[in-house]
Amino acid sequence: MTSPVEMTPARSGLFGDWRLFVPKSVTVIAQEGYSLAKLRADALAGLTVSIVAAPLAMAIAIASGVTPAQGLITAVVAGFLISALGGSRFQIGGPTGAFIVVVYGVVHQYGYDGLALATMMAGAILIVAGLLRVGAWIKYIPEPVVTGFTAGIAIIIFSSQIRDLLGLSMSEAPADFIEKMAAFWAVRDTVSLPAIGVAFGALAVIVLINRYAPRWPGMLIAVAGATLAVWLFDLPVETIGSRFGEAAAAVLPEIRAPQVTFQRLQQLLPSALTIAFLAGVESLLSAMVADGMTGRRHRSNCEIVAQGVANFIAPIFGGISATGAIARTATNIRAGAQTPVAGMFHALFVLVFMLALGPLIARIPLASLAAVLAVVAWNMSEHERFRQLLLGPRGDRLVLISTFLLTVLVDLTVAIEVGVVLGAIVFMHRMAEATAVERGVSLLERDQDDFSRPNREAYEARAELPKGVEMFELHGPLFFGAASRLNDALDAAFPPPRAFVLRFRDVPMADASGATTLERFIKRCNAHGVDVVFCEMRYNVRATLAKLGLLDHVQTADTYDEAITVAAVAAEKK
């Protein structure tokens, strides 16, 4: 159940209710207590996640142009702070694949000192943004922008691993995608068969374990197996030790602050803004995934402040950019985590691995870590979601493809800017069409203020509804941002009913982002055992939701009376 802090966000002063910034690690333990059973569950979950996180942190660090030790340090320092200070009960923080492109670019141009300053600037930006309650604005980023952006990053991540996957001999790969492909082609005659064997062997192990034994740590097993094979057969394959030195993964951090000048602040501001954007978006997406899996709800602005603190502190210890990691957070939940303490345990276990297993880590073949990142890139590509959006409205396709191509071929910042602007233009075009066709329908949600706070009188007044059935009527276009009020309405209806009826008679259009928010709403209802019935959908709205596969997970009815009957039957069965 949502806590009182989340249900009644009374605003006071510039930054709003201070309770919204109290970490979940504090409120969860204060409200629910902490027992030995929870401690055991959190410790086991933390150990499980650390086994997944350690090889990932090293692989991401190497792909980002820094040492594997710096990836592990980031998982330790940033991971601990994000769990301790964040607004999500289950969030696991650390270095993620989304940062590889921007971190590599900054390190390549300005060195690690420049990256440290850019990351600290991003941390400061996130802290201010969270205190100003900007976290709620993330929902206004169109879904095609996020999907095209992440798919583009996935392509860049995979391309950056071709060198190690094939064992190519070259000093350094260019940062630009086209130039990088040309450079790989130029040294194609240096392909190493042992490296290919190790890489594809590790890749096969990961894929098979994920398919047939998903609870096993596939990445760790693949990396350990590859390391053992290279050692036993003395294969001529590049390792962490041969590239970075035998003590590369066990170096304790040297605490120091980067050099700060006004000129460097100006130079690094675009990179800092990109890092802040990535950290904010990915952390909140991860938190929303956790909410969908557990039926709980995070505090977005508290989470952004925690991300800011983590990114401000981690570079002082030699770390890199960090954010919430979706796959690691999901692993944490599946492993039985109870509180944010599990995330803190995860950081401590990574530190133990780093200090105790340094000599063994140096023997890890880089080809096996490249295989790990190839899997990360595939998972990050959201290929199914990408294909779904290509079947959606023409405007969504334009935004998706433009953002994707600009991310791969031009620049991350340009891709985000163009994608958001195109999304706004497409939205304005749709609003103009909706105004012309639906002259008598308000383009704003008439009940939006009621949805922003728990109004129990409004629900009690609906005595004519069958017992256990609740009804929401949507007004205006179902576009990115607007549909998210359904989640607020769901919170206001606690304890939840047995069935929801959603009326779409005053909804003139829907886009992919609105459909995605509806999908999250349905998942939250399912988590609480609540049936959902859609009714009175217009042809274009039904067609959009059907193309995106949303209607496969709900019941539908043509009329309101029919929907109430269906919902009443569903409620009686519970």
Protein backbone atom coordinates (compact mmCIF):
# COMPACT_ATOMS: atom_id res chain seq x y z
CA MET A 1 0.00 0.00 0.00
CA THR A 2 1.18 3.50 -0.76
CA SER A 3 2.50 5.29 2.28
CA PRO A 4 0.79 8.41 3.70
CA VAL A 5 3.80 10.44 2.60
CA GLU A 6 3.04 9.59 -1.03
CA MET A 7 -0.72 9.90 -0.69
CA THR A 8 -0.79 13.43 0.71
CA PRO A 9 2.00 15.50 -0.76
CA ALA A 10 1.06 18.78 0.90
CA ARG A 11 3.16 21.54 -0.59
CA SER A 12 5.01 24.01 1.57
CA GLY A 13 7.62 26.45 0.34
CA LEU A 14 9.73 26.42 -2.80
CA PHE A 15 10.72 22.75 -2.68
CA GLY A 16 7.33 21.38 -1.58
CA ASP A 17 6.70 18.99 1.29
CA TRP A 18 10.05 18.00 2.83
CA ARG A 19 8.68 14.51 3.52
CA LEU A 20 8.85 13.74 -0.20
CA PHE A 21 12.64 13.87 0.06
CA VAL A 22 12.98 11.48 3.01
CA PRO A 23 14.80 8.35 1.70
CA LYS A 24 12.89 5.09 1.44
CA SER A 25 15.58 3.47 3.58
CA VAL A 26 14.35 5.68 6.44
CA THR A 27 10.58 5.55 5.94
CA VAL A 28 10.40 1.81 5.19
CA ILE A 29 12.24 0.83 8.35
CA ALA A 30 10.45 3.47 10.44
CA GLN A 31 6.99 2.32 9.32
CA GLU A 32 7.55 -1.44 9.02
CA GLY A 33 10.44 -2.15 11.36
CA TYR A 34 13.43 -4.34 10.54
CA SER A 35 13.72 -7.96 11.61
CA LEU A 36 16.41 -10.61 11.39
CA ALA A 37 14.38 -12.33 8.65
CA LYS A 38 14.44 -9.15 6.56
CA LEU A 39 18.18 -8.78 7.19
CA ARG A 40 18.80 -12.30 5.87
CA ALA A 41 16.60 -11.71 2.83
CA ASP A 42 18.31 -8.40 2.04
CA ALA A 43 21.80 -9.87 2.49
CA LEU A 44 21.01 -12.79 0.15
CA ALA A 45 19.48 -10.46 -2.45
CA GLY A 46 22.49 -8.13 -2.19
CA LEU A 47 24.89 -11.03 -2.72
CA THR A 48 22.89 -12.23 -5.74
CA VAL A 49 22.89 -8.79 -7.35
CA SER A 50 26.59 -8.24 -6.65
CA ILE A 51 27.41 -11.43 -8.56
CA VAL A 52 25.59 -9.95 -11.57
CA ALA A 53 26.88 -6.40 -11.04
CA ALA A 54 30.63 -7.05 -10.70
CA PRO A 55 31.33 -8.31 -14.24
CA LEU A 56 28.94 -5.74 -15.69
CA ALA A 57 30.66 -2.86 -13.88
CA MET A 58 34.07 -3.91 -15.20
CA ALA A 59 32.80 -4.43 -18.76
CA ILE A 60 31.04 -1.06 -18.83
CA ALA A 61 34.10 0.71 -17.43
CA ILE A 62 36.42 -0.81 -20.03
CA ALA A 63 34.01 0.09 -22.86
CA SER A 64 33.83 3.63 -21.44
CA GLY A 65 37.58 4.11 -21.73
CA VAL A 66 38.47 3.81 -18.01
CA THR A 67 39.88 1.00 -15.86
CA PRO A 68 37.80 -1.93 -14.55
CA ALA A 69 38.59 -0.79 -10.99
CA GLN A 70 36.78 2.49 -11.67
CA GLY A 71 33.67 0.57 -12.70
CA LEU A 72 33.77 -1.44 -9.49
CA ILE A 73 34.35 1.71 -7.41
CA THR A 74 31.27 3.26 -9.03
CA ALA A 75 29.17 0.22 -8.15
CA VAL A 76 30.39 0.46 -4.54
CA VAL A 77 30.15 4.21 -3.88
CA ALA A 78 27.26 5.23 -6.14
CA GLY A 79 25.41 1.96 -5.56
CA PHE A 80 25.50 2.43 -1.78
CA LEU A 81 24.40 6.09 -1.92
CA ILE A 82 21.55 5.48 -4.39
CA SER A 83 20.09 2.74 -2.18
CA ALA A 84 20.65 4.66 1.05
CA LEU A 85 19.25 8.02 -0.13
CA GLY A 86 16.87 7.09 -2.96
CA GLY A 87 13.11 7.18 -3.29
CA SER A 88 12.73 3.59 -4.51
CA ARG A 89 12.60 0.59 -2.22
CA PHE A 90 14.40 -1.76 -4.63
CA GLN A 91 16.59 0.43 -6.86
CA ILE A 92 20.12 -0.82 -7.59
CA GLY A 93 22.53 1.83 -8.84
CA GLY A 94 25.84 1.72 -10.63
CA PRO A 95 27.45 2.22 -14.05
CA THR A 96 25.11 1.34 -16.94
CA GLY A 97 25.41 0.82 -20.66
CA ALA A 98 23.59 4.06 -21.44
CA PHE A 99 26.59 6.05 -20.23
CA ILE A 100 29.21 4.28 -22.34
CA VAL A 101 28.91 6.58 -25.33
CA VAL A 102 29.02 9.89 -23.48
CA VAL A 103 31.66 8.77 -20.94
CA TYR A 104 33.94 7.44 -23.68
CA GLY A 105 33.58 10.71 -25.60
CA VAL A 106 34.44 12.87 -22.59
CA VAL A 107 37.40 10.69 -21.56
CA HIS A 108 38.67 10.65 -25.15
CA GLN A 109 38.55 14.45 -25.40
CA TYR A 110 39.21 15.73 -21.86
CA GLY A 111 40.69 12.77 -19.96
CA TYR A 112 39.34 11.28 -16.73
CA ASP A 113 39.70 14.62 -14.92
CA GLY A 114 37.24 16.13 -17.40
CA LEU A 115 34.85 13.22 -16.91
CA ALA A 116 35.01 13.61 -13.12
CA LEU A 117 34.12 17.30 -13.38
CA ALA A 118 31.32 16.67 -15.91
CA THR A 119 29.85 13.94 -13.68
CA MET A 120 29.99 16.17 -10.60
CA MET A 121 28.30 18.95 -12.58
CA ALA A 122 25.61 16.48 -13.63
CA GLY A 123 25.19 15.49 -9.98
CA ALA A 124 24.67 19.12 -8.97
CA ILE A 125 22.15 19.57 -11.79
CA LEU A 126 20.21 16.50 -10.64
CA ILE A 127 20.14 17.66 -7.01
CA VAL A 128 18.72 21.04 -8.01
CA ALA A 129 16.26 19.42 -10.44
CA GLY A 130 15.00 17.05 -7.75
CA LEU A 131 14.59 19.81 -5.17
CA LEU A 132 12.64 21.83 -7.75
CA ARG A 133 10.37 18.79 -8.28
CA VAL A 134 11.38 18.27 -11.90
CA GLY A 135 11.07 14.50 -11.48
CA ALA A 136 7.41 14.61 -12.49
CA TRP A 137 8.40 16.20 -15.82
CA ILE A 138 10.07 13.01 -17.03
CA LYS A 139 6.64 11.72 -18.06
CA TYR A 140 6.46 14.42 -20.73
CA ILE A 141 9.29 12.85 -22.74
CA PRO A 142 7.57 10.97 -25.60
CA GLU A 143 7.97 7.20 -25.64
CA PRO A 144 9.40 7.12 -29.21
CA VAL A 145 12.19 9.47 -28.09
CA VAL A 146 13.21 7.20 -25.20
CA THR A 147 12.95 4.02 -27.30
CA GLY A 148 14.82 5.45 -30.29
CA PHE A 149 17.47 6.87 -28.00
CA THR A 150 18.08 3.63 -26.09
CA ALA A 151 18.04 1.54 -29.27
CA GLY A 152 20.63 3.88 -30.79
CA ILE A 153 22.83 3.59 -27.71
CA ALA A 154 22.52 -0.21 -27.94
CA ILE A 155 23.89 -0.12 -31.50
CA ILE A 156 26.81 2.08 -30.40
CA ILE A 157 27.58 -0.18 -27.42
CA PHE A 158 27.67 -3.26 -29.63
CA SER A 159 29.84 -1.52 -32.22
CA SER A 160 32.31 -0.55 -29.50
CA GLN A 161 32.78 -4.24 -28.63
CA ILE A 162 33.61 -5.48 -32.14
CA ARG A 163 37.32 -4.95 -31.46
CA ASP A 164 37.38 -7.33 -28.48
CA LEU A 165 34.79 -9.74 -29.90
CA LEU A 166 37.03 -10.34 -32.92
CA GLY A 167 40.37 -9.78 -31.19
CA LEU A 168 41.37 -7.01 -33.63
CA SER A 169 44.85 -5.51 -33.18
CA MET A 170 44.59 -1.72 -32.96
CA SER A 171 45.75 0.90 -30.49
CA GLU A 172 42.48 2.78 -30.10
CA ALA A 173 39.11 2.86 -31.88
CA PRO A 174 37.68 6.23 -33.03
CA ALA A 175 34.65 7.57 -31.17
CA ASP A 176 32.56 8.37 -34.29
CA PHE A 177 30.42 5.44 -35.48
CA ILE A 178 31.24 5.69 -39.20
CA GLU A 179 34.96 6.24 -38.56
CA LYS A 180 34.97 3.34 -36.10
CA MET A 181 33.48 0.95 -38.65
CA ALA A 182 36.04 2.09 -41.23
CA ALA A 183 38.90 1.56 -38.73
CA PHE A 184 37.69 -1.97 -37.92
CA TRP A 185 37.52 -2.80 -41.61
CA ALA A 186 41.05 -1.50 -42.12
CA VAL A 187 42.46 -4.02 -39.59
CA ARG A 188 40.20 -6.93 -40.57
CA ASP A 189 43.22 -9.10 -41.35
CA THR A 190 44.21 -9.09 -37.63
CA VAL A 191 41.15 -11.12 -36.54
CA SER A 192 42.04 -13.57 -33.76
CA LEU A 193 40.36 -16.98 -33.88
CA PRO A 194 41.04 -17.71 -30.16
CA ALA A 195 39.38 -14.39 -29.22
CA ILE A 196 36.37 -15.21 -31.41
CA GLY A 197 36.13 -18.65 -29.80
CA VAL A 198 36.25 -17.21 -26.28
CA ALA A 199 33.74 -14.44 -27.09
CA PHE A 200 31.17 -16.63 -28.80
CA GLY A 201 31.64 -19.41 -26.26
CA ALA A 202 30.85 -16.96 -23.46
CA LEU A 203 27.93 -15.58 -25.46
CA ALA A 204 26.51 -19.08 -25.93
CA VAL A 205 26.80 -19.81 -22.20
CA ILE A 206 24.95 -16.60 -21.29
CA VAL A 207 22.15 -17.22 -23.79
CA LEU A 208 21.67 -20.86 -22.79
CA ILE A 209 21.65 -20.12 -19.05
CA ASN A 210 19.23 -17.21 -19.51
CA ARG A 211 16.91 -19.52 -21.42
CA TYR A 212 17.09 -22.75 -19.44
CA ALA A 213 18.29 -21.66 -15.97
CA PRO A 214 17.36 -17.97 -15.64
CA ARG A 215 17.98 -17.90 -11.89
CA TRP A 216 21.67 -18.76 -12.37
CA PRO A 217 24.20 -15.90 -12.73
CA GLY A 218 24.82 -16.50 -16.43
CA MET A 219 27.22 -13.61 -16.97
CA LEU A 220 29.42 -14.56 -14.03
CA ILE A 221 29.50 -18.21 -15.08
CA ALA A 222 30.40 -17.26 -18.66
CA VAL A 223 33.21 -14.93 -17.58
CA ALA A 224 34.57 -17.43 -15.04
CA GLY A 225 34.43 -20.25 -17.59
CA ALA A 226 36.20 -18.17 -20.22
CA THR A 227 38.88 -17.17 -17.72
CA LEU A 228 39.46 -20.82 -16.76
CA ALA A 229 39.63 -21.90 -20.41
CA VAL A 230 42.18 -19.20 -21.33
CA TRP A 231 44.34 -20.17 -18.33
CA LEU A 232 44.16 -23.94 -18.86
CA PHE A 233 44.85 -23.85 -22.60
CA ASP A 234 47.17 -20.83 -22.49
CA LEU A 235 45.20 -19.11 -25.24
CA PRO A 236 46.74 -15.99 -26.82
CA VAL A 237 43.86 -13.72 -25.81
CA GLU A 238 44.09 -10.21 -24.35
CA THR A 239 43.09 -10.01 -20.67
CA ILE A 240 42.38 -7.26 -18.16
CA GLY A 241 45.89 -7.72 -16.77
CA SER A 242 47.63 -7.53 -20.15
CA ARG A 243 45.86 -4.29 -21.07
CA PHE A 244 45.55 -2.52 -17.71
CA GLY A 245 48.14 -4.21 -15.47
CA GLU A 246 47.97 -7.10 -13.01
CA ALA A 247 46.55 -4.94 -10.19
CA ALA A 248 44.06 -3.09 -12.41
CA ALA A 249 40.92 -4.33 -10.63
CA ALA A 250 42.19 -4.21 -7.04
CA VAL A 251 43.46 -0.63 -6.87
CA LEU A 252 41.98 1.29 -3.95
CA PRO A 253 40.63 4.71 -4.93
CA GLU A 254 42.68 7.84 -4.49
CA ILE A 255 40.45 10.59 -3.12
CA ARG A 256 40.88 13.80 -5.11
CA ALA A 257 38.78 16.52 -6.67
CA PRO A 258 39.03 17.51 -10.36
CA GLN A 259 40.51 20.79 -11.51
CA VAL A 260 37.79 23.44 -11.81
CA THR A 261 38.01 26.50 -14.04
CA PHE A 262 35.31 28.60 -15.65
CA GLN A 263 36.52 27.58 -19.10
CA ARG A 264 36.31 23.86 -18.26
CA LEU A 265 32.84 24.33 -16.80
CA GLN A 266 31.72 25.89 -20.09
CA GLN A 267 33.35 23.16 -22.17
CA LEU A 268 31.86 20.32 -20.14
CA LEU A 269 28.35 21.72 -19.63
CA PRO A 270 26.79 19.95 -22.67
CA SER A 271 28.24 16.61 -21.51
CA ALA A 272 27.07 17.27 -17.94
CA LEU A 273 23.54 17.97 -19.16
CA THR A 274 23.55 14.74 -21.18
CA ILE A 275 24.78 12.73 -18.18
CA ALA A 276 22.13 14.34 -15.97
CA PHE A 277 19.41 13.58 -18.51
CA LEU A 278 20.50 9.95 -18.86
CA ALA A 279 20.78 9.45 -15.11
CA GLY A 280 17.37 11.02 -14.46
CA VAL A 281 15.49 9.19 -17.20
CA GLU A 282 17.04 5.75 -16.69
CA SER A 283 16.72 5.87 -12.90
CA LEU A 284 13.03 6.76 -13.06
CA LEU A 285 12.37 4.17 -15.77
CA SER A 286 14.05 1.60 -13.54
CA ALA A 287 11.98 2.73 -10.56
CA MET A 288 8.79 2.45 -12.62
CA VAL A 289 9.74 -1.08 -13.69
CA ALA A 290 10.20 -1.94 -10.01
CA ASP A 291 6.80 -0.43 -9.23
CA GLY A 292 5.20 -2.54 -11.94
CA MET A 293 6.80 -5.71 -10.56
CA THR A 294 5.86 -5.07 -6.93
CA GLY A 295 2.77 -2.85 -6.94
CA ARG A 296 4.58 -0.21 -4.88
CA ARG A 297 5.41 3.37 -5.79
CA HIS A 298 8.64 5.36 -5.75
CA ARG A 299 9.22 9.05 -4.97
CA SER A 300 10.60 10.47 -8.19
CA ASN A 301 12.11 13.70 -6.84
CA CYS A 302 13.78 11.97 -3.89
CA GLU A 303 15.23 9.45 -6.36
CA ILE A 304 16.63 12.21 -8.57
CA VAL A 305 18.27 13.92 -5.57
CA ALA A 306 19.89 10.61 -4.61
CA GLN A 307 21.17 10.14 -8.16
CA GLY A 308 22.62 13.64 -7.96
CA VAL A 309 24.41 12.98 -4.67
CA ALA A 310 25.81 9.67 -6.00
CA ASN A 311 27.13 11.28 -9.19
CA PHE A 312 28.63 14.18 -7.24
CA ILE A 313 30.44 11.94 -4.73
CA ALA A 314 31.53 8.95 -6.88
CA PRO A 315 34.13 10.88 -8.99
CA ILE A 316 35.90 12.04 -5.83
CA PHE A 317 36.72 8.34 -5.23
CA GLY A 318 37.65 7.68 -8.87
CA GLY A 319 34.22 6.54 -10.04
CA ILE A 320 32.29 7.33 -13.21
CA SER A 321 28.68 8.27 -14.02
CA ALA A 322 25.97 6.13 -12.42
CA THR A 323 22.22 5.66 -12.40
CA GLY A 324 19.56 3.10 -11.55
CA ALA A 325 20.08 -0.16 -13.44
CA ILE A 326 16.89 -1.83 -14.67
CA ALA A 327 18.24 -5.39 -14.99
CA ARG A 328 20.01 -5.31 -11.63
CA THR A 329 16.95 -3.80 -9.94
CA ALA A 330 14.75 -6.57 -11.37
CA THR A 331 17.28 -9.15 -10.17
CA ASN A 332 17.15 -7.60 -6.70
CA ILE A 333 13.37 -7.96 -6.60
CA ARG A 334 13.41 -11.55 -7.86
CA ALA A 335 16.08 -12.42 -5.29
CA GLY A 336 13.67 -11.50 -2.49
CA ALA A 337 14.86 -8.04 -1.40
CA GLN A 338 12.72 -6.48 1.33
CA THR A 339 14.17 -2.99 1.84
CA PRO A 340 16.80 -0.60 0.38
CA VAL A 341 19.33 -2.29 2.67
CA ALA A 342 19.65 -4.98 -0.03
CA GLY A 343 21.16 -2.39 -2.35
CA MET A 344 23.63 -1.36 0.33
CA PHE A 345 24.62 -5.01 0.81
CA HIS A 346 25.15 -5.27 -2.95
CA ALA A 347 27.68 -2.41 -2.81
CA LEU A 348 29.54 -3.94 0.14
CA PHE A 349 29.77 -7.36 -1.54
CA VAL A 350 31.19 -5.77 -4.71
CA LEU A 351 33.84 -4.10 -2.52
CA VAL A 352 34.73 -7.48 -0.99
CA PHE A 353 35.06 -9.04 -4.46
CA MET A 354 37.24 -6.15 -5.59
CA LEU A 355 39.68 -6.44 -2.67
CA ALA A 356 39.76 -10.23 -2.37
CA LEU A 357 39.74 -11.34 -6.00
CA GLY A 358 42.02 -8.76 -7.64
CA PRO A 359 44.65 -11.23 -8.98
CA LEU A 360 41.94 -13.48 -10.45
CA ILE A 361 40.12 -10.53 -12.02
CA ALA A 362 43.31 -9.60 -13.90
CA ARG A 363 43.09 -12.94 -15.76
CA ILE A 364 39.62 -12.27 -17.21
CA PRO A 365 39.75 -12.23 -21.04
CA LEU A 366 38.41 -9.03 -22.58
CA ALA A 367 36.58 -11.08 -25.21
CA SER A 368 34.32 -12.53 -22.49
CA LEU A 369 33.47 -9.07 -21.17
CA ALA A 370 32.71 -8.00 -24.75
CA ALA A 371 30.23 -10.90 -24.90
CA VAL A 372 28.62 -9.61 -21.69
CA LEU A 373 28.18 -6.16 -23.22
CA ALA A 374 26.83 -7.65 -26.44
CA VAL A 375 24.04 -9.20 -24.36
CA VAL A 376 23.53 -5.89 -22.53
CA ALA A 377 23.21 -4.12 -25.88
CA TRP A 378 20.66 -6.65 -27.13
CA ASN A 379 18.56 -6.34 -23.97
CA MET A 380 18.83 -2.56 -24.10
CA SER A 381 17.75 -2.35 -27.74
CA GLU A 382 14.08 -2.93 -26.86
CA HIS A 383 13.68 -4.55 -30.28
CA GLU A 384 10.12 -5.67 -29.60
CA ARG A 385 9.09 -2.21 -28.42
CA PHE A 386 10.89 -0.67 -31.42
CA ARG A 387 8.96 -2.94 -33.78
CA GLN A 388 5.69 -2.10 -32.03
CA LEU A 389 6.25 1.63 -32.43
CA LEU A 390 7.01 1.17 -36.13
CA LEU A 391 3.43 -0.12 -36.42
CA GLY A 392 2.02 2.91 -34.59
CA PRO A 393 0.93 6.31 -35.92
CA ARG A 394 3.08 7.99 -38.58
CA GLY A 395 4.21 10.79 -36.27
CA ASP A 396 5.52 8.32 -33.67
CA ARG A 397 7.46 6.51 -36.41
CA LEU A 398 9.05 9.79 -37.54
CA VAL A 399 10.16 10.66 -33.99
CA LEU A 400 11.43 7.12 -33.33
CA ILE A 401 13.52 6.80 -36.50
CA SER A 402 14.88 10.36 -36.31
CA THR A 403 16.01 9.95 -32.70
CA PHE A 404 17.52 6.54 -33.44
CA LEU A 405 19.53 7.68 -36.47
CA LEU A 406 20.73 10.89 -34.83
CA THR A 407 21.88 8.94 -31.76
CA VAL A 408 23.94 6.54 -33.86
CA LEU A 409 25.27 8.87 -36.53
CA VAL A 410 25.44 12.34 -34.99
CA ASP A 411 25.31 13.03 -31.24
CA LEU A 412 23.32 12.03 -28.16
CA THR A 413 22.45 15.59 -27.17
CA VAL A 414 21.31 16.49 -30.67
CA ALA A 415 19.20 13.32 -30.81
CA ILE A 416 17.41 14.17 -27.56
CA GLU A 417 16.81 17.79 -28.55
CA VAL A 418 15.51 16.94 -32.03
CA GLY A 419 13.42 14.05 -30.73
CA VAL A 420 11.66 16.14 -28.09
CA VAL A 421 11.03 19.00 -30.52
CA LEU A 422 9.67 16.63 -33.17
CA GLY A 423 7.48 15.00 -30.51
CA ALA A 424 6.08 18.41 -29.57
CA ILE A 425 5.38 19.27 -33.22
CA VAL A 426 3.62 15.94 -33.80
CA PHE A 427 1.60 16.50 -30.63
CA MET A 428 0.53 20.00 -31.72
CA HIS A 429 -0.50 18.63 -35.11
CA ARG A 430 -2.63 15.98 -33.41
CA MET A 431 -4.20 18.56 -31.15
CA ALA A 432 -5.14 20.69 -34.16
CA GLU A 433 -6.79 17.68 -35.80
CA ALA A 434 -8.59 16.73 -32.60
CA THR A 435 -9.92 20.30 -32.19
CA ALA A 436 -11.33 20.30 -35.70
CA VAL A 437 -13.05 16.94 -35.40
CA GLU A 438 -14.11 17.05 -31.74
CA ARG A 439 -15.22 20.63 -31.44
CA GLY A 440 -17.25 20.12 -28.31
CA VAL A 441 -14.63 18.20 -26.36
CA SER A 442 -12.19 19.93 -24.03
CA LEU A 443 -8.58 19.15 -24.85
CA LEU A 444 -7.70 19.16 -21.14
CA GLU A 445 -8.66 16.57 -18.57
CA ARG A 446 -11.57 18.07 -16.67
CA ASP A 447 -10.91 15.91 -13.63
CA GLN A 448 -7.16 16.36 -13.47
CA ASP A 449 -7.24 18.21 -10.16
CA ASP A 450 -9.32 15.44 -8.62
CA PHE A 451 -6.77 12.89 -9.82
CA SER A 452 -3.88 14.75 -8.19
CA ARG A 453 -5.13 14.18 -4.65
CA PRO A 454 -7.15 11.53 -2.83
CA ASN A 455 -10.78 12.68 -3.05
CA ARG A 456 -12.67 9.98 -1.22
CA GLU A 457 -16.00 11.84 -1.36
CA ALA A 458 -15.95 11.56 -5.15
CA TYR A 459 -15.64 7.80 -4.92
CA GLU A 460 -18.21 7.39 -2.15
CA ALA A 461 -20.76 9.33 -4.23
CA ARG A 462 -20.76 6.56 -6.86
CA ALA A 463 -23.07 4.30 -4.87
CA GLU A 464 -24.92 3.25 -8.04
CA LEU A 465 -21.94 1.17 -9.19
CA PRO A 466 -22.00 -2.58 -8.38
CA LYS A 467 -20.10 -3.60 -5.27
CA GLY A 468 -16.38 -3.89 -5.91
CA VAL A 469 -16.52 -1.95 -9.21
CA GLU A 470 -14.95 1.47 -9.81
CA MET A 471 -15.23 3.70 -12.89
CA PHE A 472 -12.93 6.32 -14.35
CA GLU A 473 -13.93 8.51 -17.31
CA LEU A 474 -11.12 9.91 -19.44
CA HIS A 475 -11.47 13.33 -21.04
CA GLY A 476 -9.29 14.65 -23.81
CA PRO A 477 -6.42 13.18 -25.83
CA LEU A 478 -4.50 10.26 -24.34
CA PHE A 479 -1.01 11.59 -25.05
CA PHE A 480 2.33 11.42 -23.27
CA GLY A 481 1.99 12.74 -19.73
CA ALA A 482 -1.82 12.98 -19.59
CA ALA A 483 -2.44 9.26 -19.10
CA SER A 484 -0.14 9.15 -16.08
CA ARG A 485 -2.94 10.62 -13.98
CA LEU A 486 -4.52 7.19 -14.05
CA ASN A 487 -1.83 6.04 -11.63
CA ASP A 488 -2.69 8.96 -9.35
CA ALA A 489 -6.35 7.97 -9.58
CA LEU A 490 -5.46 4.39 -8.70
CA ASP A 491 -3.66 5.61 -5.57
CA ALA A 492 -6.66 7.74 -4.64
CA ALA A 493 -8.92 4.68 -4.89
CA PHE A 494 -7.07 2.65 -2.21
CA PRO A 495 -8.04 0.16 -1.04
CA PRO A 496 -8.39 -0.91 -4.69
CA PRO A 497 -11.72 -2.26 -6.01
CA ARG A 498 -12.09 -5.65 -7.66
CA ALA A 499 -12.66 -4.24 -11.15
CA PHE A 500 -12.09 -0.94 -12.98
CA VAL A 501 -14.11 0.38 -15.90
CA LEU A 502 -12.37 2.98 -18.07
CA ARG A 503 -14.67 5.09 -20.32
CA PHE A 504 -13.03 6.43 -23.48
CA ARG A 505 -16.01 8.20 -25.04
CA ASP A 506 -14.36 11.65 -24.70
CA VAL A 507 -10.90 10.51 -25.83
CA PRO A 508 -10.41 11.69 -29.47
CA MET A 509 -6.92 10.20 -29.93
CA ALA A 510 -4.15 8.16 -28.28
CA ASP A 511 -0.44 7.89 -28.97
CA ALA A 512 2.26 5.34 -28.10
CA SER A 513 3.33 7.08 -24.90
CA GLY A 514 -0.23 7.29 -23.62
CA ALA A 515 -0.65 3.60 -24.39
CA THR A 516 2.54 2.80 -22.49
CA THR A 517 1.23 4.59 -19.41
CA LEU A 518 -2.05 2.69 -19.74
CA GLU A 519 -0.01 -0.51 -19.85
CA ARG A 520 1.73 0.42 -16.59
CA PHE A 521 -1.66 1.18 -15.07
CA ILE A 522 -2.93 -2.26 -16.11
CA LYS A 523 0.15 -3.97 -14.64
CA ARG A 524 -0.36 -2.19 -11.32
CA CYS A 525 -4.00 -3.29 -11.32
CA ASN A 526 -2.95 -6.86 -12.08
CA ALA A 527 -0.45 -6.74 -9.22
CA HIS A 528 -3.40 -6.01 -6.90
CA GLY A 529 -5.72 -8.54 -8.56
CA VAL A 530 -7.93 -5.87 -10.16
CA ASP A 531 -9.69 -6.56 -13.50
CA VAL A 532 -9.78 -3.76 -16.09
CA VAL A 533 -12.50 -3.17 -18.69
CA PHE A 534 -12.22 -0.60 -21.54
CA CYS A 535 -15.42 0.73 -23.10
CA GLU A 536 -16.74 3.28 -25.63
CA MET A 537 -13.47 3.52 -27.55
CA ARG A 538 -13.51 5.39 -30.83
CA TYR A 539 -12.26 3.59 -33.91
CA ASN A 540 -8.89 5.40 -34.12
CA VAL A 541 -8.21 4.96 -30.38
CA ARG A 542 -9.08 1.26 -30.52
CA ALA A 543 -6.89 0.82 -33.61
CA THR A 544 -3.87 2.45 -31.94
CA LEU A 545 -4.21 0.45 -28.72
CA ALA A 546 -4.76 -2.76 -30.70
CA LYS A 547 -1.66 -2.19 -32.86
CA LEU A 548 0.45 -1.75 -29.74
CA GLY A 549 -0.93 -4.97 -28.23
CA LEU A 550 -2.63 -3.30 -25.26
CA LEU A 551 -6.09 -4.76 -25.82
CA ASP A 552 -4.73 -8.28 -25.40
CA HIS A 553 -4.45 -7.69 -21.64
CA VAL A 554 -7.89 -6.19 -20.85
CA GLN A 555 -11.56 -6.86 -21.48
CA THR A 556 -13.41 -4.53 -23.84
CA ALA A 557 -17.02 -3.50 -24.29
CA ASP A 558 -18.82 -1.33 -26.83
CA THR A 559 -21.20 0.33 -24.35
CA TYR A 560 -20.94 1.56 -20.79
CA ASP A 561 -23.76 -0.70 -19.54
CA GLU A 562 -22.10 -3.75 -21.09
CA ALA A 563 -18.79 -2.80 -19.42
CA ILE A 564 -20.45 -2.47 -16.01
CA THR A 565 -22.00 -5.90 -16.43
CA VAL A 566 -18.65 -7.46 -17.39
CA ALA A 567 -16.93 -5.76 -14.43
CA ALA A 568 -19.67 -6.84 -12.00
CA VAL A 569 -19.28 -10.48 -13.08
CA ALA A 570 -15.50 -10.24 -12.65
CA ALA A 571 -15.91 -8.65 -9.20
CA GLU A 572 -18.31 -11.37 -8.05
CA LYS A 573 -15.80 -14.10 -8.92
CA LYS A 574 -13.23 -12.66 -6.49
